[in-house]
């Protein structure tokens, strides 16, 4: 059963949870063959009730000590653009779609997403363009992110953030 894992990390990103559980988004996911949607909703107010139908199962939780099993089992990960979440998913070799939180002021999420997309490692969108991106992205075009080189990722982050 193909599954999508959605994570907001330790933050709240209600717009992402609402966007990915919208009727349009769940229909596109089903059209793409996904039958399980697992949401990690963090501290958000948006916390949909789990359900199971003939075509889609929704599981929801707030936090776990580790998300590595959820990432490992997923056929697609949809994530906020936190550097730690991006690194964990990319190192696990999973297809990644990051969603920029355009409500945050002075964040560097867009620069991080743009660079990792330019390098061919992920796709990115906003909550408003999520459905369109799900329809159009071709996961087979993604390039592997070579694990075991956190210093390169750290140097990249330092460059983007300006530390």
N, C-alpha and C. Protein backbone atom coordinates (compact mmCIF):
# COMPACT_ATOMS: atom_id res chain seq x y z
N UNK A 1 0.84 -1.18 0.00
CA UNK A 1 0.00 0.00 0.00
C UNK A 1 0.89 1.24 0.00
N UNK A 2 0.80 2.05 -1.05
CA UNK A 2 1.61 3.26 -1.14
C UNK A 2 1.16 4.27 -0.09
N UNK A 3 2.17 4.89 0.57
CA UNK A 3 1.83 5.82 1.64
C UNK A 3 2.58 7.14 1.51
N UNK A 4 1.94 8.17 2.06
CA UNK A 4 2.52 9.51 2.15
C UNK A 4 2.65 9.84 3.62
N UNK A 5 3.83 10.32 4.00
CA UNK A 5 4.05 10.78 5.37
C UNK A 5 4.23 12.29 5.33
N UNK A 6 3.44 13.00 6.13
CA UNK A 6 3.50 14.45 6.21
C UNK A 6 4.00 14.84 7.59
N UNK A 7 5.02 15.70 7.63
CA UNK A 7 5.56 16.12 8.92
C UNK A 7 5.72 17.63 9.00
N UNK A 8 5.38 18.18 10.16
CA UNK A 8 5.60 19.60 10.44
C UNK A 8 6.69 19.79 11.48
N UNK A 9 7.33 18.68 11.90
CA UNK A 9 8.39 18.77 12.91
C UNK A 9 7.82 19.18 14.26
N UNK A 10 8.58 19.96 15.01
CA UNK A 10 8.17 20.35 16.36
C UNK A 10 7.33 21.62 16.35
N UNK A 11 7.09 22.16 15.17
CA UNK A 11 6.38 23.43 15.05
C UNK A 11 4.88 23.19 14.87
N UNK A 12 4.17 24.25 14.54
CA UNK A 12 2.80 24.10 14.08
C UNK A 12 2.76 24.70 12.68
N UNK A 13 2.11 24.01 11.79
CA UNK A 13 1.99 24.46 10.40
C UNK A 13 0.60 24.02 9.93
N UNK A 14 -0.42 24.64 10.53
CA UNK A 14 -1.80 24.27 10.27
C UNK A 14 -2.16 24.38 8.79
N UNK A 15 -1.60 25.39 8.10
CA UNK A 15 -1.92 25.55 6.68
C UNK A 15 -1.50 24.33 5.87
N UNK A 16 -0.37 23.72 6.21
CA UNK A 16 0.07 22.52 5.50
C UNK A 16 -0.89 21.36 5.77
N UNK A 17 -1.25 21.16 7.03
CA UNK A 17 -2.16 20.06 7.37
C UNK A 17 -3.50 20.25 6.66
N UNK A 18 -4.01 21.48 6.67
CA UNK A 18 -5.28 21.75 5.98
C UNK A 18 -5.15 21.54 4.48
N UNK A 19 -4.04 21.96 3.90
CA UNK A 19 -3.86 21.82 2.45
C UNK A 19 -3.77 20.36 2.03
N UNK A 20 -3.02 19.57 2.77
CA UNK A 20 -2.80 18.17 2.36
C UNK A 20 -4.03 17.29 2.64
N UNK A 21 -4.91 17.75 3.53
CA UNK A 21 -6.12 16.97 3.80
C UNK A 21 -7.35 17.54 3.07
N UNK A 22 -7.14 18.55 2.24
CA UNK A 22 -8.25 19.10 1.47
C UNK A 22 -8.78 18.02 0.51
N UNK A 23 -10.05 18.10 0.14
CA UNK A 23 -10.58 17.11 -0.81
C UNK A 23 -9.79 17.04 -2.11
N UNK A 24 -9.34 18.20 -2.61
CA UNK A 24 -8.57 18.21 -3.86
C UNK A 24 -7.25 17.45 -3.71
N UNK A 25 -6.53 17.72 -2.61
CA UNK A 25 -5.24 17.07 -2.40
C UNK A 25 -5.40 15.57 -2.17
N UNK A 26 -6.35 15.18 -1.35
CA UNK A 26 -6.52 13.74 -1.10
C UNK A 26 -6.96 13.01 -2.36
N UNK A 27 -7.74 13.67 -3.21
CA UNK A 27 -8.13 13.05 -4.47
C UNK A 27 -6.93 12.86 -5.39
N UNK A 28 -6.07 13.86 -5.48
CA UNK A 28 -4.86 13.73 -6.31
C UNK A 28 -3.98 12.61 -5.78
N UNK A 29 -3.80 12.56 -4.47
CA UNK A 29 -2.99 11.49 -3.88
C UNK A 29 -3.56 10.12 -4.22
N UNK A 30 -4.87 9.99 -4.12
CA UNK A 30 -5.51 8.71 -4.47
C UNK A 30 -5.34 8.41 -5.96
N UNK A 31 -5.47 9.43 -6.79
CA UNK A 31 -5.28 9.24 -8.24
C UNK A 31 -3.86 8.76 -8.54
N UNK A 32 -2.90 9.18 -7.72
CA UNK A 32 -1.50 8.77 -7.89
C UNK A 32 -1.21 7.41 -7.26
N UNK A 33 -2.22 6.79 -6.66
CA UNK A 33 -2.06 5.44 -6.13
C UNK A 33 -1.73 5.37 -4.64
N UNK A 34 -1.73 6.49 -3.96
CA UNK A 34 -1.48 6.47 -2.51
C UNK A 34 -2.75 6.08 -1.79
N UNK A 35 -2.61 5.17 -0.83
CA UNK A 35 -3.77 4.67 -0.09
C UNK A 35 -3.68 4.95 1.40
N UNK A 36 -2.53 5.46 1.85
CA UNK A 36 -2.35 5.76 3.26
C UNK A 36 -1.71 7.13 3.39
N UNK A 37 -2.28 7.96 4.27
CA UNK A 37 -1.79 9.30 4.55
C UNK A 37 -1.55 9.39 6.05
N UNK A 38 -0.30 9.62 6.42
CA UNK A 38 0.07 9.69 7.83
C UNK A 38 0.52 11.11 8.13
N UNK A 39 -0.13 11.75 9.10
CA UNK A 39 0.16 13.13 9.44
C UNK A 39 0.81 13.24 10.82
N UNK A 40 1.93 13.94 10.88
CA UNK A 40 2.54 14.34 12.14
C UNK A 40 2.23 15.82 12.25
N UNK A 41 1.33 16.19 13.17
CA UNK A 41 0.78 17.54 13.20
C UNK A 41 1.43 18.47 14.21
N UNK A 42 2.38 17.97 15.01
CA UNK A 42 3.09 18.84 15.94
C UNK A 42 2.17 19.55 16.91
N UNK A 43 2.46 20.82 17.13
CA UNK A 43 1.69 21.61 18.11
C UNK A 43 0.49 22.32 17.50
N UNK A 44 0.18 22.02 16.27
CA UNK A 44 -0.88 22.74 15.57
C UNK A 44 -2.27 22.54 16.14
N UNK A 45 -3.14 23.47 15.79
CA UNK A 45 -4.55 23.37 16.15
C UNK A 45 -5.28 22.44 15.20
N UNK A 46 -4.78 22.36 13.97
CA UNK A 46 -5.37 21.51 12.93
C UNK A 46 -4.98 20.06 13.20
N UNK A 47 -5.95 19.26 13.62
CA UNK A 47 -5.68 17.86 13.95
C UNK A 47 -6.87 17.02 13.47
N UNK A 48 -6.85 16.62 12.21
CA UNK A 48 -7.99 15.88 11.65
C UNK A 48 -8.21 14.55 12.36
N UNK A 49 -9.43 14.10 12.34
CA UNK A 49 -9.76 12.80 12.91
C UNK A 49 -9.29 11.70 11.95
N UNK A 50 -8.67 10.66 12.49
CA UNK A 50 -8.27 9.53 11.63
C UNK A 50 -9.52 8.87 11.02
N UNK A 51 -9.33 8.27 9.85
CA UNK A 51 -10.43 7.55 9.21
C UNK A 51 -9.86 6.50 8.28
N UNK A 52 -10.73 5.60 7.86
CA UNK A 52 -10.34 4.60 6.88
C UNK A 52 -11.54 4.34 5.97
N UNK A 53 -11.29 4.48 4.66
CA UNK A 53 -12.31 4.16 3.66
C UNK A 53 -11.74 3.08 2.76
N UNK A 54 -12.48 2.72 1.76
CA UNK A 54 -12.01 1.70 0.81
C UNK A 54 -10.80 2.19 0.02
N UNK A 55 -10.65 3.53 -0.11
CA UNK A 55 -9.57 4.05 -0.95
C UNK A 55 -8.50 4.83 -0.21
N UNK A 56 -8.73 5.21 1.05
CA UNK A 56 -7.73 6.00 1.77
C UNK A 56 -7.85 5.81 3.27
N UNK A 57 -6.70 5.67 3.91
CA UNK A 57 -6.62 5.60 5.37
C UNK A 57 -5.83 6.81 5.85
N UNK A 58 -6.34 7.49 6.86
CA UNK A 58 -5.66 8.63 7.45
C UNK A 58 -5.28 8.29 8.89
N UNK A 59 -3.98 8.43 9.19
CA UNK A 59 -3.48 8.27 10.55
C UNK A 59 -2.91 9.62 10.99
N UNK A 60 -3.09 9.95 12.27
CA UNK A 60 -2.67 11.25 12.78
C UNK A 60 -1.99 11.08 14.14
N UNK A 61 -0.87 11.78 14.32
CA UNK A 61 -0.25 11.85 15.65
C UNK A 61 0.46 13.19 15.78
N UNK A 62 0.74 13.57 17.01
CA UNK A 62 1.40 14.86 17.26
C UNK A 62 2.92 14.72 17.28
N UNK A 63 3.44 13.87 18.15
CA UNK A 63 4.89 13.72 18.30
C UNK A 63 5.24 12.27 18.54
N UNK A 64 6.47 11.93 18.17
CA UNK A 64 7.09 10.64 18.50
C UNK A 64 8.54 10.96 18.82
N UNK A 65 9.20 10.07 19.51
CA UNK A 65 10.61 10.31 19.82
C UNK A 65 11.47 10.28 18.56
N UNK A 66 11.01 9.55 17.55
CA UNK A 66 11.74 9.49 16.28
C UNK A 66 10.74 9.30 15.14
N UNK A 67 11.02 9.97 14.04
CA UNK A 67 10.18 9.83 12.85
C UNK A 67 10.82 8.92 11.81
N UNK A 68 11.97 8.34 12.14
CA UNK A 68 12.72 7.58 11.14
C UNK A 68 11.95 6.40 10.58
N UNK A 69 11.15 5.70 11.39
CA UNK A 69 10.37 4.57 10.88
C UNK A 69 9.29 5.05 9.91
N UNK A 70 8.65 6.18 10.25
CA UNK A 70 7.63 6.73 9.36
C UNK A 70 8.24 7.15 8.03
N UNK A 71 9.41 7.77 8.10
CA UNK A 71 10.11 8.18 6.88
C UNK A 71 10.49 6.95 6.06
N UNK A 72 11.04 5.94 6.73
CA UNK A 72 11.49 4.73 6.04
C UNK A 72 10.35 4.02 5.32
N UNK A 73 9.17 4.00 5.93
CA UNK A 73 8.02 3.29 5.35
C UNK A 73 7.32 4.07 4.25
N UNK A 74 7.55 5.38 4.18
CA UNK A 74 6.81 6.23 3.24
C UNK A 74 7.33 6.09 1.81
N UNK A 75 6.40 6.21 0.87
CA UNK A 75 6.75 6.26 -0.54
C UNK A 75 6.97 7.70 -0.99
N UNK A 76 6.42 8.65 -0.23
CA UNK A 76 6.59 10.08 -0.46
C UNK A 76 6.52 10.77 0.89
N UNK A 77 7.42 11.73 1.12
CA UNK A 77 7.36 12.55 2.33
C UNK A 77 7.05 13.98 1.91
N UNK A 78 6.07 14.55 2.57
CA UNK A 78 5.74 15.96 2.41
C UNK A 78 6.08 16.61 3.74
N UNK A 79 6.93 17.63 3.70
CA UNK A 79 7.48 18.18 4.94
C UNK A 79 7.51 19.69 4.93
N UNK A 80 7.53 20.25 6.14
CA UNK A 80 7.90 21.65 6.28
C UNK A 80 9.36 21.75 5.85
N UNK A 81 9.89 22.94 5.75
CA UNK A 81 11.24 23.10 5.20
C UNK A 81 12.28 23.25 6.29
N UNK A 82 12.08 22.58 7.40
CA UNK A 82 13.09 22.58 8.45
C UNK A 82 14.32 21.82 7.97
N UNK A 83 15.48 22.37 8.25
CA UNK A 83 16.72 21.76 7.78
C UNK A 83 16.89 20.34 8.30
N UNK A 84 16.58 20.10 9.56
CA UNK A 84 16.72 18.76 10.13
C UNK A 84 15.81 17.75 9.46
N UNK A 85 14.57 18.14 9.22
CA UNK A 85 13.63 17.24 8.55
C UNK A 85 14.09 16.95 7.12
N UNK A 86 14.51 17.98 6.41
CA UNK A 86 14.99 17.79 5.04
C UNK A 86 16.16 16.81 5.01
N UNK A 87 17.12 17.03 5.88
CA UNK A 87 18.31 16.18 5.91
C UNK A 87 17.95 14.72 6.23
N UNK A 88 17.07 14.52 7.21
CA UNK A 88 16.69 13.15 7.59
C UNK A 88 16.03 12.42 6.42
N UNK A 89 15.12 13.10 5.73
CA UNK A 89 14.41 12.46 4.62
C UNK A 89 15.34 12.21 3.43
N UNK A 90 16.15 13.21 3.10
CA UNK A 90 17.07 13.05 1.97
C UNK A 90 18.10 11.96 2.23
N UNK A 91 18.62 11.89 3.45
CA UNK A 91 19.59 10.83 3.77
C UNK A 91 18.95 9.46 3.76
N UNK A 92 17.64 9.39 4.01
CA UNK A 92 16.92 8.11 3.96
C UNK A 92 16.62 7.71 2.51
N UNK A 93 16.89 8.61 1.56
CA UNK A 93 16.68 8.29 0.15
C UNK A 93 15.23 8.31 -0.27
N UNK A 94 14.41 9.06 0.44
CA UNK A 94 12.98 9.11 0.13
C UNK A 94 12.64 10.33 -0.72
N UNK A 95 11.68 10.20 -1.64
CA UNK A 95 11.23 11.36 -2.40
C UNK A 95 10.65 12.40 -1.44
N UNK A 96 11.01 13.66 -1.66
CA UNK A 96 10.63 14.71 -0.72
C UNK A 96 10.01 15.89 -1.46
N UNK A 97 8.87 16.31 -0.94
CA UNK A 97 8.22 17.55 -1.36
C UNK A 97 8.17 18.44 -0.13
N UNK A 98 8.87 19.57 -0.17
CA UNK A 98 8.82 20.49 0.97
C UNK A 98 7.84 21.61 0.66
N UNK A 99 7.16 22.04 1.71
CA UNK A 99 6.15 23.08 1.58
C UNK A 99 6.64 24.28 2.39
N UNK A 100 6.82 25.38 1.68
CA UNK A 100 7.31 26.62 2.29
C UNK A 100 6.19 27.24 3.11
N UNK A 101 6.50 27.63 4.33
CA UNK A 101 5.55 28.36 5.15
C UNK A 101 5.74 29.84 4.85
N UNK A 102 4.96 30.37 3.92
CA UNK A 102 5.13 31.76 3.51
C UNK A 102 4.53 32.75 4.51
N UNK A 103 4.03 32.23 5.65
CA UNK A 103 3.54 33.10 6.71
C UNK A 103 4.65 33.52 7.66
N UNK A 104 5.79 32.84 7.60
CA UNK A 104 6.91 33.18 8.48
C UNK A 104 7.66 34.38 7.91
N UNK A 105 8.06 35.25 8.78
CA UNK A 105 8.84 36.43 8.38
C UNK A 105 10.33 36.12 8.48
N UNK A 106 11.11 36.66 7.56
CA UNK A 106 12.57 36.56 7.62
C UNK A 106 13.07 35.13 7.80
N UNK A 107 12.45 34.17 7.11
CA UNK A 107 12.99 32.81 7.21
C UNK A 107 13.75 32.50 5.93
N UNK A 108 14.52 31.47 5.98
CA UNK A 108 15.37 31.10 4.85
C UNK A 108 14.90 29.81 4.20
N UNK A 109 13.64 29.46 4.45
CA UNK A 109 13.12 28.22 3.90
C UNK A 109 13.14 28.21 2.38
N UNK A 110 12.76 29.31 1.78
CA UNK A 110 12.70 29.36 0.32
C UNK A 110 14.08 29.17 -0.29
N UNK A 111 15.10 29.81 0.29
CA UNK A 111 16.46 29.64 -0.25
C UNK A 111 16.94 28.20 -0.12
N UNK A 112 16.66 27.59 1.02
CA UNK A 112 17.05 26.18 1.22
C UNK A 112 16.34 25.29 0.21
N UNK A 113 15.03 25.47 0.08
CA UNK A 113 14.25 24.65 -0.86
C UNK A 113 14.71 24.86 -2.30
N UNK A 114 14.94 26.11 -2.68
CA UNK A 114 15.39 26.40 -4.06
C UNK A 114 16.71 25.71 -4.37
N UNK A 115 17.65 25.79 -3.44
CA UNK A 115 18.97 25.19 -3.70
C UNK A 115 18.87 23.67 -3.80
N UNK A 116 18.15 23.05 -2.87
CA UNK A 116 18.03 21.59 -2.91
C UNK A 116 17.23 21.14 -4.13
N UNK A 117 16.30 21.96 -4.59
CA UNK A 117 15.57 21.65 -5.83
C UNK A 117 16.50 21.82 -7.04
N UNK A 118 17.26 22.90 -7.04
CA UNK A 118 18.21 23.15 -8.13
C UNK A 118 19.20 21.99 -8.27
N UNK A 119 19.59 21.43 -7.12
CA UNK A 119 20.51 20.29 -7.12
C UNK A 119 19.80 18.98 -7.45
N UNK A 120 18.47 19.04 -7.62
CA UNK A 120 17.71 17.87 -8.05
C UNK A 120 17.28 16.93 -6.95
N UNK A 121 17.33 17.37 -5.69
CA UNK A 121 17.05 16.46 -4.58
C UNK A 121 15.61 16.46 -4.10
N UNK A 122 14.84 17.51 -4.40
CA UNK A 122 13.47 17.59 -3.91
C UNK A 122 12.64 18.52 -4.77
N UNK A 123 11.36 18.51 -4.51
CA UNK A 123 10.43 19.47 -5.10
C UNK A 123 9.96 20.38 -3.97
N UNK A 124 9.53 21.59 -4.32
CA UNK A 124 8.98 22.47 -3.30
C UNK A 124 7.80 23.25 -3.84
N UNK A 125 6.97 23.71 -2.90
CA UNK A 125 5.78 24.47 -3.25
C UNK A 125 5.33 25.24 -2.02
N UNK A 126 4.22 25.92 -2.15
CA UNK A 126 3.57 26.55 -1.00
C UNK A 126 2.26 25.79 -0.77
N UNK A 127 1.57 26.11 0.29
CA UNK A 127 0.28 25.47 0.54
C UNK A 127 -0.69 25.73 -0.61
N UNK A 128 -0.62 26.93 -1.17
CA UNK A 128 -1.53 27.29 -2.26
C UNK A 128 -1.24 26.52 -3.54
N UNK A 129 0.00 26.09 -3.75
CA UNK A 129 0.35 25.39 -4.99
C UNK A 129 0.57 23.88 -4.78
N UNK A 130 0.20 23.37 -3.59
CA UNK A 130 0.43 21.96 -3.27
C UNK A 130 -0.25 21.02 -4.26
N UNK A 131 -1.52 21.23 -4.51
CA UNK A 131 -2.27 20.32 -5.40
C UNK A 131 -1.66 20.32 -6.80
N UNK A 132 -1.36 21.50 -7.30
CA UNK A 132 -0.74 21.61 -8.63
C UNK A 132 0.61 20.88 -8.67
N UNK A 133 1.42 21.03 -7.61
CA UNK A 133 2.72 20.36 -7.57
C UNK A 133 2.54 18.85 -7.50
N UNK A 134 1.61 18.37 -6.69
CA UNK A 134 1.37 16.93 -6.61
C UNK A 134 1.02 16.36 -7.99
N UNK A 135 0.22 17.11 -8.73
CA UNK A 135 -0.18 16.64 -10.08
C UNK A 135 0.99 16.62 -11.06
N UNK A 136 1.90 17.59 -10.94
CA UNK A 136 2.90 17.78 -11.99
C UNK A 136 4.28 17.19 -11.69
N UNK A 137 4.62 16.95 -10.45
CA UNK A 137 5.99 16.52 -10.15
C UNK A 137 6.23 15.09 -10.62
N UNK A 138 7.46 14.84 -11.04
CA UNK A 138 7.88 13.51 -11.51
C UNK A 138 8.98 13.03 -10.57
N UNK A 139 8.61 12.16 -9.63
CA UNK A 139 9.55 11.71 -8.60
C UNK A 139 10.75 10.97 -9.19
N UNK A 140 10.59 10.42 -10.39
CA UNK A 140 11.70 9.67 -11.01
C UNK A 140 12.85 10.58 -11.41
N UNK A 141 12.63 11.88 -11.45
CA UNK A 141 13.70 12.80 -11.84
C UNK A 141 14.59 13.22 -10.68
N UNK A 142 14.20 12.86 -9.45
CA UNK A 142 14.99 13.27 -8.29
C UNK A 142 16.31 12.52 -8.22
N UNK A 143 17.36 13.24 -7.80
CA UNK A 143 18.69 12.67 -7.66
C UNK A 143 18.93 12.31 -6.19
N UNK A 144 19.66 11.23 -5.97
CA UNK A 144 19.96 10.86 -4.58
C UNK A 144 20.81 11.92 -3.88
N UNK A 145 20.56 12.08 -2.61
CA UNK A 145 21.37 12.94 -1.76
C UNK A 145 22.33 12.02 -1.03
N UNK A 146 23.62 12.22 -1.24
CA UNK A 146 24.58 11.30 -0.66
C UNK A 146 24.66 11.49 0.85
N UNK A 147 24.31 10.45 1.61
CA UNK A 147 24.35 10.57 3.07
C UNK A 147 25.78 10.54 3.60
N UNK A 148 25.92 10.87 4.85
CA UNK A 148 27.23 10.78 5.50
C UNK A 148 28.11 11.98 5.25
N UNK A 149 27.54 13.07 4.76
CA UNK A 149 28.33 14.28 4.54
C UNK A 149 27.64 15.48 5.20
N UNK A 150 27.35 15.37 6.51
CA UNK A 150 26.64 16.46 7.16
C UNK A 150 27.40 17.77 7.16
N UNK A 151 28.72 17.69 7.05
CA UNK A 151 29.49 18.94 7.03
C UNK A 151 29.20 19.75 5.77
N UNK A 152 28.93 19.06 4.64
CA UNK A 152 28.57 19.78 3.42
C UNK A 152 27.20 20.45 3.58
N UNK A 153 26.27 19.73 4.19
CA UNK A 153 24.94 20.29 4.42
C UNK A 153 25.05 21.46 5.39
N UNK A 154 25.87 21.30 6.43
CA UNK A 154 26.07 22.38 7.40
C UNK A 154 26.69 23.61 6.76
N UNK A 155 27.67 23.39 5.90
CA UNK A 155 28.31 24.52 5.21
C UNK A 155 27.31 25.21 4.28
N UNK A 156 26.47 24.40 3.63
CA UNK A 156 25.43 24.96 2.78
C UNK A 156 24.48 25.83 3.59
N UNK A 157 24.04 25.31 4.74
CA UNK A 157 23.12 26.07 5.60
C UNK A 157 23.77 27.35 6.08
N UNK A 158 25.05 27.27 6.48
CA UNK A 158 25.75 28.47 6.92
C UNK A 158 25.76 29.52 5.82
N UNK A 159 25.98 29.06 4.59
CA UNK A 159 26.02 29.97 3.46
C UNK A 159 24.66 30.61 3.20
N UNK A 160 23.58 29.80 3.25
CA UNK A 160 22.24 30.30 3.00
C UNK A 160 21.78 31.25 4.10
N UNK A 161 22.01 30.85 5.33
CA UNK A 161 21.52 31.62 6.47
C UNK A 161 22.44 32.79 6.79
N UNK A 162 23.68 32.68 6.39
CA UNK A 162 24.62 33.78 6.59
C UNK A 162 25.28 33.77 7.95
N UNK A 163 25.49 32.60 8.51
CA UNK A 163 26.15 32.51 9.83
C UNK A 163 27.61 32.83 9.73
